[in-house]
Amino acid sequence: MQGRRDDDDSGTAGRFRALALPHLDEVYTLARHLLRDAADADDATQDCFLRALRHFETFRGDDIRPWLFAILRNVCRGARQPSREVGVADEPTDDAAPLWSDARETPEGEMLRRRDADAVRALVDALPLAFREVIVLREINDLSYREIAEIVGVPVGTVMSRLARGRALLRTAWLGADQKEQTP
């Protein structure tokens, strides 16, 4: 009898690993944007996957990402607030070299690209939570409006409205930051 239970557990665990673990980075990225702290994001991601494994038998559907994001969102709601502001040193980096490139980027171009990426990341982090989460789910995690609506628990029209308003806020903040840099 004990051998059969182990077989069932390894089958469920194996299926969970195959479906859920490929999305670990995406779940962590969303947690980082929602909680604004690397340690809190680590804890929330771990808690999300533990809850997902514990309730894996309730998962129905083809794509597990929206289900994981919904669990993470609930975990983040219950998580403590970040104990400190996220500093530049805590920001995730995209230092991975591309597999190919047309021309080698100049040091000045790389510096400008990193500065712009850091500025956009800071602007996204400064958005109110309702706009930040839909921006991250749509633009970073590439979820559909319907999937975002299911995760956030609002109608699709509200998702579209929040995306439009969030993008407008980002555009305004970007242009405002650009104007400040050009003013002597």
Protein backbone atom coordinates (compact mmCIF):
# COMPACT_ATOMS: atom_id res chain seq x y z
CA MET A 1 0.00 0.00 0.00
CA GLN A 2 2.85 2.39 0.83
CA GLY A 3 4.50 1.76 -2.57
CA ARG A 4 1.33 2.81 -4.39
CA ARG A 5 1.13 6.10 -2.47
CA ASP A 6 4.74 6.89 -3.43
CA ASP A 7 3.93 6.22 -7.10
CA ASP A 8 0.93 8.57 -6.95
CA ASP A 9 2.99 11.27 -5.24
CA SER A 10 5.85 11.03 -7.73
CA GLY A 11 3.39 11.19 -10.65
CA THR A 12 1.69 14.28 -9.27
CA ALA A 13 5.01 15.86 -8.33
CA GLY A 14 6.45 15.07 -11.74
CA ARG A 15 3.43 16.56 -13.50
CA PHE A 16 3.62 19.64 -11.27
CA ARG A 17 7.33 20.06 -12.02
CA ALA A 18 6.70 19.77 -15.75
CA LEU A 19 3.83 22.28 -15.78
CA ALA A 20 4.76 24.79 -13.07
CA LEU A 21 8.53 25.04 -12.75
CA PRO A 22 9.11 26.48 -16.25
CA HIS A 23 7.22 29.57 -14.99
CA LEU A 24 9.33 30.09 -11.87
CA ASP A 25 11.16 33.14 -13.27
CA GLU A 26 7.92 34.76 -14.40
CA VAL A 27 6.32 34.25 -10.99
CA TYR A 28 9.39 35.70 -9.28
CA THR A 29 9.41 38.71 -11.63
CA LEU A 30 5.79 39.50 -10.80
CA ALA A 31 6.51 39.08 -7.07
CA ARG A 32 9.46 41.49 -7.38
CA HIS A 33 7.24 44.09 -9.02
CA LEU A 34 4.41 43.65 -6.52
CA LEU A 35 6.51 43.57 -3.35
CA ARG A 36 9.50 45.72 -4.40
CA ASP A 37 11.91 43.66 -2.32
CA ALA A 38 14.08 40.73 -3.41
CA ALA A 39 13.88 38.81 -0.12
CA ASP A 40 10.11 39.24 0.10
CA ALA A 41 9.78 38.18 -3.55
CA ASP A 42 11.82 35.03 -2.84
CA ASP A 43 9.55 34.17 0.10
CA ALA A 44 6.36 34.91 -1.83
CA THR A 45 7.50 32.82 -4.81
CA GLN A 46 8.34 29.89 -2.57
CA ASP A 47 5.02 30.19 -0.74
CA CYS A 48 3.19 30.40 -4.09
CA PHE A 49 4.74 27.18 -5.37
CA LEU A 50 4.15 25.38 -2.07
CA ARG A 51 0.47 26.35 -2.15
CA ALA A 52 0.23 25.42 -5.82
CA LEU A 53 1.70 21.97 -5.16
CA ARG A 54 -0.52 21.46 -2.11
CA HIS A 55 -3.64 22.26 -4.18
CA PHE A 56 -2.45 20.95 -7.53
CA GLU A 57 -5.32 18.47 -7.77
CA THR A 58 -7.72 21.45 -8.03
CA PHE A 59 -5.96 22.88 -11.10
CA ARG A 60 -8.12 22.68 -14.22
CA GLY A 61 -7.07 24.00 -17.57
CA ASP A 62 -4.32 24.03 -20.12
CA ASP A 63 -2.16 26.99 -19.06
CA ILE A 64 -0.97 26.95 -15.47
CA ARG A 65 0.52 30.50 -15.56
CA PRO A 66 -2.71 32.39 -14.76
CA TRP A 67 -3.40 30.00 -11.89
CA LEU A 68 0.12 30.50 -10.48
CA PHE A 69 -0.13 34.28 -10.87
CA ALA A 70 -3.48 34.30 -9.05
CA ILE A 71 -1.97 32.30 -6.18
CA LEU A 72 1.03 34.64 -6.09
CA ARG A 73 -1.22 37.68 -6.05
CA ASN A 74 -3.04 36.29 -3.02
CA VAL A 75 0.27 35.50 -1.31
CA CYS A 76 1.52 39.03 -1.98
CA ARG A 77 -1.65 40.54 -0.53
CA GLY A 78 -0.98 38.72 2.70
CA ALA A 79 2.76 39.36 2.72
CA ARG A 80 4.23 41.98 4.97
CA GLN A 81 5.02 45.33 3.42
CA PRO A 82 8.61 45.77 2.23
CA SER A 83 10.83 46.70 5.15
CA ARG A 84 12.83 49.16 3.07
CA GLU A 85 12.82 50.88 -0.25
CA VAL A 86 14.38 48.95 -3.09
CA GLY A 87 17.69 50.45 -4.03
CA VAL A 88 19.43 50.46 -7.38
CA ALA A 89 21.64 47.59 -6.23
CA ASP A 90 18.52 45.45 -5.64
CA GLU A 91 17.15 45.91 -9.15
CA PRO A 92 17.09 42.82 -11.33
CA THR A 93 19.60 43.02 -14.12
CA ASP A 94 19.52 41.89 -17.71
CA ASP A 95 23.27 41.35 -18.09
CA ALA A 96 22.95 38.16 -20.12
CA ALA A 97 24.77 38.52 -23.41
CA PRO A 98 22.61 37.97 -26.49
CA LEU A 99 23.21 34.83 -28.48
CA TRP A 100 23.81 36.93 -31.58
CA SER A 101 23.98 40.56 -32.49
CA ASP A 102 24.26 42.61 -35.65
CA ALA A 103 26.88 44.99 -34.38
CA ARG A 104 28.73 45.28 -31.12
CA GLU A 105 27.18 47.93 -28.91
CA THR A 106 29.43 50.80 -27.93
CA PRO A 107 30.10 51.38 -24.23
CA GLU A 108 28.15 54.64 -24.46
CA GLY A 109 25.20 52.90 -26.11
CA GLU A 110 25.22 50.16 -23.48
CA MET A 111 25.32 52.75 -20.70
CA LEU A 112 22.36 54.62 -22.23
CA ARG A 113 20.39 51.41 -22.72
CA ARG A 114 20.96 50.39 -19.09
CA ARG A 115 20.07 53.87 -17.86
CA ASP A 116 16.83 53.78 -19.87
CA ALA A 117 16.01 50.26 -18.64
CA ASP A 118 16.63 51.34 -15.03
CA ALA A 119 14.48 54.45 -15.56
CA VAL A 120 11.60 52.43 -17.04
CA ARG A 121 11.87 49.87 -14.21
CA ALA A 122 11.73 52.70 -11.64
CA LEU A 123 8.73 54.27 -13.40
CA VAL A 124 6.87 50.95 -13.43
CA ASP A 125 7.69 50.43 -9.75
CA ALA A 126 6.34 53.92 -8.97
CA LEU A 127 2.91 53.13 -10.49
CA PRO A 128 0.02 52.44 -8.12
CA LEU A 129 -0.40 48.70 -7.53
CA ALA A 130 -3.55 48.29 -9.65
CA PHE A 131 -1.77 49.67 -12.72
CA ARG A 132 1.63 48.12 -11.96
CA GLU A 133 0.28 44.57 -11.74
CA VAL A 134 -1.64 44.71 -15.05
CA ILE A 135 1.35 46.33 -16.81
CA VAL A 136 3.67 43.58 -15.53
CA LEU A 137 1.23 40.78 -16.35
CA ARG A 138 0.62 42.09 -19.88
CA GLU A 139 3.94 43.58 -20.95
CA ILE A 140 6.41 41.36 -19.11
CA ASN A 141 4.50 38.09 -18.73
CA ASP A 142 2.57 38.48 -22.01
CA LEU A 143 -0.77 37.31 -20.63
CA SER A 144 -4.03 37.92 -22.47
CA TYR A 145 -6.60 40.40 -21.18
CA ARG A 146 -8.87 37.51 -20.24
CA GLU A 147 -6.11 35.79 -18.25
CA ILE A 148 -5.27 39.03 -16.44
CA ALA A 149 -8.96 39.58 -15.65
CA GLU A 150 -9.15 36.11 -14.09
CA ILE A 151 -6.00 36.67 -12.03
CA VAL A 152 -6.92 40.15 -10.80
CA GLY A 153 -10.61 39.36 -10.40
CA VAL A 154 -12.01 42.22 -12.48
CA PRO A 155 -13.85 42.41 -15.81
CA VAL A 156 -11.81 42.47 -19.04
CA GLY A 157 -12.93 46.06 -19.64
CA THR A 158 -11.37 47.08 -16.33
CA VAL A 159 -8.12 45.39 -17.33
CA MET A 160 -8.13 47.30 -20.62
CA SER A 161 -8.86 50.55 -18.79
CA ARG A 162 -6.10 49.97 -16.24
CA LEU A 163 -3.63 49.12 -18.99
CA ALA A 164 -4.50 52.28 -20.93
CA ARG A 165 -4.27 54.44 -17.84
CA GLY A 166 -1.06 52.73 -16.65
CA ARG A 167 0.55 53.21 -20.04
CA ALA A 168 -0.54 56.86 -20.05
CA LEU A 169 0.96 57.34 -16.59
CA LEU A 170 4.20 55.74 -17.75
CA ARG A 171 4.31 57.92 -20.87
CA THR A 172 3.69 61.08 -18.84
CA ALA A 173 6.32 60.11 -16.26
CA TRP A 174 8.83 59.23 -19.00
CA LEU A 175 8.28 62.53 -20.81
CA GLY A 176 8.48 64.42 -17.49
CA ALA A 177 11.75 62.70 -16.62
CA ASP A 178 13.08 63.48 -20.10
CA GLN A 179 12.15 67.15 -19.71
CA LYS A 180 13.98 67.32 -16.35
CA GLU A 181 17.16 65.91 -17.93
CA GLN A 182 17.10 68.46 -20.77
CA THR A 183 16.60 71.47 -18.49
CA PRO A 184 19.98 72.95 -17.43
